[in-house]
Amino acid sequence: MTDTPAPRLLRIATRASRLALWQAEHVANLLSSTRPDCGVELVHVTTTGDSNQVSELRSFGGQGVFTREVQRAVLDGRADLAVHSLKDLPTQPTPGLALAGVPARAETADALVLPRDSEGIADLFGLPPNAHLGTGSLRRQAQLRHHRPDLRCSEVRGNVETRLRKLDEGEYDALVLAAAGLGRLDLSQRISARLVPPLMYPAVGQGALGIECRDDDALVIDLLTRVSEPEVMASVKAERALLAQLRAGCHAPVGAHTWFDQGELRISGVVLSADGVHRLQATLGGPPSAAEDVGRELAEELLRLGAAELIR
């Protein structure tokens, strides 16, 4: 790729939570390493999801509650690019924006987190009967209930530190959080067990960052291409195509796991009923260059198995 002129200052729109700022600063460092002649500035944005820390996310829109205002900052020219947790970014494209950058991915696992004073519990099956778990994700709730129908799951809002405080104060017996977020905040020591497939399938895009810019900004698109990882980009394209073809939002009980086997992209997807009683699973593979087709074909297989009824 030939060198192209870089703007003298890149403005990155981001939420102002500690985790979001870590992610934005990580991207800023990647860009600065790629183009040392380019300055970087963070533009803090408050989203609907940040403003309302009480209501369930599904009650005020669900999709896009952590991304819409950040995207708007790019579209109206206050920023040049936006950094998202990719699992929060709706699969429906936003007119005027391009998902141009997906850097190296952190681990995709979910994490079981117990109170600091817990002893003798090694995994999900060690929790006492009728344990109260904090997670607002339908995907997590459905998979937890599939394996442990007795568990009581309810929404827990706030940033990671707030959620951990509520756990340690006894509001919950355990939390389920993304291992990637805990790692980025140097809180991996709080992970009691990693919940991985086939027990728990991650959210589409989990552990990955998505960087958007204006779709006509060739200079920024070029820079974001340079900081992207091709295998990660192929993986998330397949996962997001799966979710889009299922016509399921990012809060639906759908999980996906991607990996590479001798150069072939492999993707496994699960769809569950909200109560966890019914569960469908299928796996497909194909060339990374056809990642979106692979994701769509997997969705069609799940739909043939009856996924639409479970999602509805």
Protein backbone atom coordinates (compact mmCIF):
# COMPACT_ATOMS: atom_id res chain seq x y z
CA MET A 1 0.00 0.00 0.00
CA THR A 2 1.41 3.37 -0.98
CA ASP A 3 1.79 6.17 1.51
CA THR A 4 -0.99 8.73 1.45
CA PRO A 5 -1.06 12.14 3.10
CA ALA A 6 -2.46 12.03 6.63
CA PRO A 7 -4.59 14.72 8.26
CA ARG A 8 -2.62 16.64 10.88
CA LEU A 9 -5.15 15.81 13.58
CA LEU A 10 -7.42 12.80 13.95
CA ARG A 11 -10.39 13.25 16.27
CA ILE A 12 -11.71 10.03 17.81
CA ALA A 13 -15.29 9.97 19.11
CA THR A 14 -15.73 7.74 22.16
CA ARG A 15 -17.90 7.18 25.18
CA ALA A 16 -16.32 8.45 28.39
CA SER A 17 -16.42 5.28 30.49
CA ARG A 18 -13.06 3.93 31.65
CA LEU A 19 -13.36 0.92 29.33
CA ALA A 20 -14.40 3.00 26.31
CA LEU A 21 -11.50 5.39 26.92
CA TRP A 22 -9.07 2.47 27.14
CA GLN A 23 -10.35 1.27 23.78
CA ALA A 24 -10.11 4.71 22.17
CA GLU A 25 -6.60 5.28 23.54
CA HIS A 26 -5.57 1.85 22.26
CA VAL A 27 -6.73 2.80 18.78
CA ALA A 28 -5.02 6.19 19.11
CA ASN A 29 -1.74 4.41 19.90
CA LEU A 30 -2.16 2.11 16.90
CA LEU A 31 -2.75 5.09 14.63
CA SER A 32 0.16 7.05 16.08
CA SER A 33 2.46 4.05 15.53
CA THR A 34 1.30 3.83 11.92
CA ARG A 35 1.53 7.57 11.22
CA PRO A 36 3.70 9.37 13.79
CA ASP A 37 3.15 12.64 11.88
CA CYS A 38 -0.55 12.57 12.74
CA GLY A 39 -1.88 14.01 16.00
CA VAL A 40 -4.77 12.34 17.83
CA GLU A 41 -7.49 13.85 20.02
CA LEU A 42 -10.35 12.17 21.88
CA VAL A 43 -13.88 13.59 21.65
CA HIS A 44 -16.03 12.44 24.59
CA VAL A 45 -19.66 11.61 23.81
CA THR A 46 -22.53 10.70 26.14
CA THR A 47 -24.88 8.05 24.73
CA THR A 48 -28.44 7.09 25.60
CA GLY A 49 -27.13 3.98 27.32
CA ASP A 50 -24.83 6.11 29.48
CA SER A 51 -27.54 8.60 30.44
CA ASN A 52 -30.04 5.96 31.58
CA GLN A 53 -28.38 3.63 34.09
CA VAL A 54 -31.63 2.30 35.56
CA SER A 55 -33.95 0.98 32.83
CA GLU A 56 -33.36 -2.31 31.01
CA LEU A 57 -31.55 -1.66 27.73
CA ARG A 58 -34.32 -3.40 25.78
CA SER A 59 -36.89 -0.98 27.19
CA PHE A 60 -35.45 2.06 25.39
CA GLY A 61 -34.31 0.71 22.07
CA GLY A 62 -31.64 -1.89 22.79
CA GLN A 63 -29.79 -1.65 19.50
CA GLY A 64 -27.53 1.34 19.11
CA VAL A 65 -27.99 2.79 22.60
CA PHE A 66 -24.19 2.86 23.07
CA THR A 67 -23.30 3.83 19.50
CA ARG A 68 -25.78 6.25 17.90
CA GLU A 69 -24.50 9.46 19.47
CA VAL A 70 -20.88 8.44 18.88
CA GLN A 71 -21.67 7.83 15.20
CA ARG A 72 -23.46 11.18 15.00
CA ALA A 73 -20.28 12.97 16.13
CA VAL A 74 -18.51 11.59 13.05
CA LEU A 75 -21.36 12.31 10.66
CA ASP A 76 -21.68 15.94 11.77
CA GLY A 77 -17.93 16.56 11.57
CA ARG A 78 -17.08 16.84 15.28
CA ALA A 79 -14.88 13.75 14.93
CA ASP A 80 -13.13 11.84 12.14
CA LEU A 81 -13.67 8.32 13.43
CA ALA A 82 -15.53 6.44 16.15
CA VAL A 83 -14.37 3.51 18.28
CA HIS A 84 -16.99 0.97 19.43
CA SER A 85 -17.12 -2.31 21.24
CA LEU A 86 -18.09 -4.21 18.11
CA LYS A 87 -20.68 -6.32 19.92
CA ASP A 88 -22.64 -3.09 20.60
CA LEU A 89 -22.65 -1.96 16.96
CA PRO A 90 -25.87 -2.82 15.06
CA THR A 91 -25.36 -4.90 11.92
CA GLN A 92 -27.51 -2.55 9.84
CA PRO A 93 -25.09 -0.12 8.13
CA THR A 94 -25.40 3.55 9.02
CA PRO A 95 -25.67 5.70 5.87
CA GLY A 96 -22.54 7.79 5.42
CA LEU A 97 -20.33 5.59 7.63
CA ALA A 98 -17.98 2.68 6.88
CA LEU A 99 -16.73 0.03 9.30
CA ALA A 100 -13.17 0.43 8.04
CA GLY A 101 -11.04 -0.83 10.94
CA VAL A 102 -11.03 -3.95 13.13
CA PRO A 103 -7.72 -4.38 15.02
CA ALA A 104 -6.43 -7.50 16.77
CA ARG A 105 -9.12 -9.11 18.90
CA ALA A 106 -9.02 -9.82 22.62
CA GLU A 107 -10.37 -13.09 23.99
CA THR A 108 -14.03 -13.71 23.18
CA ALA A 109 -15.04 -15.69 26.28
CA ASP A 110 -17.63 -14.65 28.82
CA ALA A 111 -16.49 -14.70 32.43
CA LEU A 112 -18.16 -15.87 35.62
CA VAL A 113 -17.28 -13.41 38.39
CA LEU A 114 -17.94 -14.22 42.05
CA PRO A 115 -17.87 -11.99 45.15
CA ARG A 116 -14.44 -11.47 46.66
CA ASP A 117 -15.24 -13.63 49.71
CA SER A 118 -16.52 -16.65 47.72
CA GLU A 119 -14.86 -19.99 48.34
CA GLY A 120 -15.27 -23.47 46.93
CA ILE A 121 -17.02 -22.53 43.67
CA ALA A 122 -15.04 -23.47 40.59
CA ASP A 123 -17.56 -23.05 37.80
CA LEU A 124 -21.18 -22.40 36.81
CA PHE A 125 -22.30 -25.75 38.19
CA GLY A 126 -20.84 -24.99 41.61
CA LEU A 127 -23.26 -22.12 42.22
CA PRO A 128 -25.94 -22.86 44.85
CA PRO A 129 -29.52 -23.66 43.76
CA ASN A 130 -31.54 -20.60 42.65
CA ALA A 131 -28.43 -18.41 42.61
CA HIS A 132 -28.99 -14.80 41.52
CA LEU A 133 -26.86 -13.79 38.51
CA GLY A 134 -26.40 -10.28 37.22
CA THR A 135 -26.58 -10.02 33.44
CA GLY A 136 -29.01 -8.16 31.21
CA SER A 137 -27.97 -10.03 28.06
CA LEU A 138 -30.69 -12.31 26.67
CA ARG A 139 -27.95 -14.33 24.97
CA ARG A 140 -26.24 -15.00 28.28
CA GLN A 141 -29.48 -15.53 30.21
CA ALA A 142 -30.80 -18.07 27.71
CA GLN A 143 -27.57 -20.07 27.68
CA LEU A 144 -27.29 -19.98 31.47
CA ARG A 145 -30.88 -21.19 31.83
CA HIS A 146 -30.28 -23.93 29.27
CA HIS A 147 -27.66 -25.46 31.57
CA ARG A 148 -29.06 -24.27 34.93
CA PRO A 149 -32.85 -23.67 34.72
CA ASP A 150 -32.93 -22.81 38.43
CA LEU A 151 -30.78 -19.69 38.07
CA ARG A 152 -32.39 -16.27 38.60
CA CYS A 153 -31.01 -13.74 36.12
CA SER A 154 -31.63 -10.01 36.21
CA GLU A 155 -30.26 -6.83 34.65
CA VAL A 156 -27.22 -5.17 36.19
CA ARG A 157 -26.35 -1.69 34.86
CA GLY A 158 -23.42 0.64 35.30
CA ASN A 159 -19.76 0.48 34.33
CA VAL A 160 -17.65 -2.56 35.19
CA GLU A 161 -16.45 -1.15 38.51
CA THR A 162 -20.04 -0.33 39.57
CA ARG A 163 -21.18 -3.85 38.72
CA LEU A 164 -18.34 -5.39 40.72
CA ARG A 165 -19.21 -3.19 43.71
CA LYS A 166 -22.84 -4.35 43.57
CA LEU A 167 -21.64 -7.96 43.44
CA ASP A 168 -19.30 -7.58 46.41
CA GLU A 169 -22.05 -5.82 48.40
CA GLY A 170 -24.29 -8.87 48.04
CA GLU A 171 -26.81 -7.77 45.42
CA TYR A 172 -25.90 -10.78 43.26
CA ASP A 173 -24.37 -14.22 43.79
CA ALA A 174 -22.38 -13.88 40.58
CA LEU A 175 -21.97 -11.74 37.47
CA VAL A 176 -21.35 -12.72 33.87
CA LEU A 177 -19.14 -10.18 32.07
CA ALA A 178 -16.97 -10.17 28.97
CA ALA A 179 -13.49 -11.44 29.76
CA ALA A 180 -12.07 -8.94 27.26
CA GLY A 181 -13.38 -5.93 29.17
CA LEU A 182 -12.03 -7.23 32.47
CA GLY A 183 -8.65 -7.82 30.87
CA ARG A 184 -8.50 -4.33 29.37
CA LEU A 185 -9.19 -2.85 32.81
CA ASP A 186 -6.54 -5.03 34.51
CA LEU A 187 -9.29 -6.91 36.34
CA SER A 188 -8.63 -10.41 35.01
CA GLN A 189 -7.93 -11.54 38.56
CA ARG A 190 -11.67 -11.22 39.25
CA ILE A 191 -12.48 -13.96 36.72
CA SER A 192 -13.57 -17.10 38.57
CA ALA A 193 -14.22 -19.19 35.44
CA ARG A 194 -14.28 -18.65 31.70
CA LEU A 195 -17.51 -19.67 29.99
CA VAL A 196 -16.64 -20.92 26.50
CA PRO A 197 -18.32 -23.00 23.75
CA PRO A 198 -20.16 -25.32 23.85
CA LEU A 199 -21.27 -24.12 27.32
CA MET A 200 -21.51 -20.44 26.37
CA TYR A 201 -21.21 -18.96 22.88
CA PRO A 202 -19.97 -15.34 22.75
CA ALA A 203 -21.85 -12.39 21.33
CA VAL A 204 -21.28 -11.47 17.71
CA GLY A 205 -18.17 -9.27 17.64
CA GLN A 206 -17.29 -9.90 21.30
CA GLY A 207 -13.70 -9.00 22.16
CA ALA A 208 -13.29 -6.97 18.96
CA LEU A 209 -13.18 -3.22 18.38
CA GLY A 210 -14.98 -1.65 15.45
CA ILE A 211 -13.71 1.64 14.03
CA GLU A 212 -16.04 3.66 11.81
CA CYS A 213 -15.33 6.71 9.69
CA ARG A 214 -17.13 8.64 6.97
CA ASP A 215 -17.43 6.47 3.88
CA ASP A 216 -15.97 9.17 1.63
CA ASP A 217 -12.90 9.86 3.81
CA ALA A 218 -10.25 8.02 1.78
CA LEU A 219 -7.36 9.17 4.01
CA VAL A 220 -8.88 7.80 7.21
CA ILE A 221 -10.09 4.62 5.51
CA ASP A 222 -6.50 3.99 4.40
CA LEU A 223 -5.18 4.49 7.94
CA LEU A 224 -7.81 2.19 9.43
CA THR A 225 -7.04 -0.50 6.88
CA ARG A 226 -3.44 -0.43 8.08
CA VAL A 227 -4.35 -1.09 11.73
CA SER A 228 -6.83 -3.87 10.88
CA GLU A 229 -6.15 -7.60 11.20
CA PRO A 230 -7.44 -9.46 8.10
CA GLU A 231 -8.39 -12.67 9.95
CA VAL A 232 -10.29 -10.72 12.62
CA MET A 233 -12.05 -8.67 9.94
CA ALA A 234 -13.12 -11.87 8.17
CA SER A 235 -14.33 -13.40 11.44
CA VAL A 236 -16.48 -10.44 12.44
CA LYS A 237 -17.86 -10.07 8.91
CA ALA A 238 -19.09 -13.68 9.08
CA GLU A 239 -20.54 -13.20 12.58
CA ARG A 240 -22.30 -9.94 11.70
CA ALA A 241 -23.68 -11.41 8.45
CA LEU A 242 -25.08 -14.31 10.48
CA LEU A 243 -26.85 -11.96 12.88
CA ALA A 244 -28.13 -9.72 10.10
CA GLN A 245 -29.50 -12.64 8.05
CA LEU A 246 -31.28 -13.98 11.14
CA ARG A 247 -32.87 -10.52 11.47
CA ALA A 248 -31.84 -10.61 15.10
CA GLY A 249 -30.58 -7.59 17.06
CA CYS A 250 -27.41 -7.47 19.12
CA HIS A 251 -29.49 -8.26 22.24
CA ALA A 252 -31.14 -11.41 20.80
CA PRO A 253 -30.38 -14.90 22.20
CA VAL A 254 -27.83 -15.60 19.44
CA GLY A 255 -24.20 -16.56 19.93
CA ALA A 256 -21.35 -17.15 17.48
CA HIS A 257 -17.84 -18.59 17.58
CA THR A 258 -15.32 -18.29 14.73
CA TRP A 259 -11.93 -19.86 14.22
CA PHE A 260 -9.52 -20.82 11.42
CA ASP A 261 -8.66 -24.38 10.42
CA GLN A 262 -5.85 -24.75 7.86
CA GLY A 263 -6.75 -21.41 6.31
CA GLU A 264 -10.51 -22.06 6.24
CA LEU A 265 -12.83 -19.79 8.20
CA ARG A 266 -15.14 -21.80 10.47
CA ILE A 267 -18.17 -20.40 12.24
CA SER A 268 -20.55 -22.03 14.70
CA GLY A 269 -23.78 -20.34 15.73
CA VAL A 270 -26.44 -20.98 18.36
CA VAL A 271 -29.97 -19.66 18.72
CA LEU A 272 -32.02 -20.23 21.86
CA SER A 273 -35.46 -19.51 23.20
CA ALA A 274 -35.47 -16.82 25.88
CA ASP A 275 -36.12 -19.41 28.60
CA GLY A 276 -33.22 -21.56 27.41
CA VAL A 277 -35.38 -24.64 26.88
CA HIS A 278 -34.87 -24.82 23.12
CA ARG A 279 -31.43 -24.57 21.52
CA LEU A 280 -30.32 -24.81 17.89
CA GLN A 281 -26.70 -25.08 16.78
CA ALA A 282 -24.98 -25.36 13.39
CA THR A 283 -21.46 -24.99 11.97
CA LEU A 284 -20.19 -24.02 8.52
CA GLY A 285 -16.88 -23.22 6.86
CA GLY A 286 -15.55 -21.43 3.81
CA PRO A 287 -12.80 -19.16 2.46
CA PRO A 288 -12.12 -15.96 4.42
CA SER A 289 -12.69 -13.97 1.22
CA ALA A 290 -16.33 -15.12 1.30
CA ALA A 291 -16.83 -14.48 5.02
CA GLU A 292 -20.17 -12.70 4.69
CA ASP A 293 -21.54 -15.45 2.43
CA VAL A 294 -20.48 -18.07 4.99
CA GLY A 295 -22.27 -16.17 7.76
CA ARG A 296 -25.43 -15.80 5.69
CA GLU A 297 -25.42 -19.49 4.71
CA LEU A 298 -25.11 -20.47 8.36
CA ALA A 299 -28.04 -18.23 9.21
CA GLU A 300 -30.14 -19.90 6.49
CA GLU A 301 -29.31 -23.32 7.97
CA LEU A 302 -30.39 -22.15 11.43
CA LEU A 303 -33.57 -20.68 9.96
CA ARG A 304 -34.32 -24.04 8.30
CA LEU A 305 -33.97 -25.60 11.74
CA GLY A 306 -36.54 -23.16 13.20
CA ALA A 307 -34.48 -20.23 14.48
CA ALA A 308 -37.04 -17.60 13.47
CA GLU A 309 -39.56 -18.90 16.00
CA LEU A 310 -37.00 -18.81 18.83
CA ILE A 311 -35.86 -15.28 17.99
CA ARG A 312 -39.46 -14.02 17.77
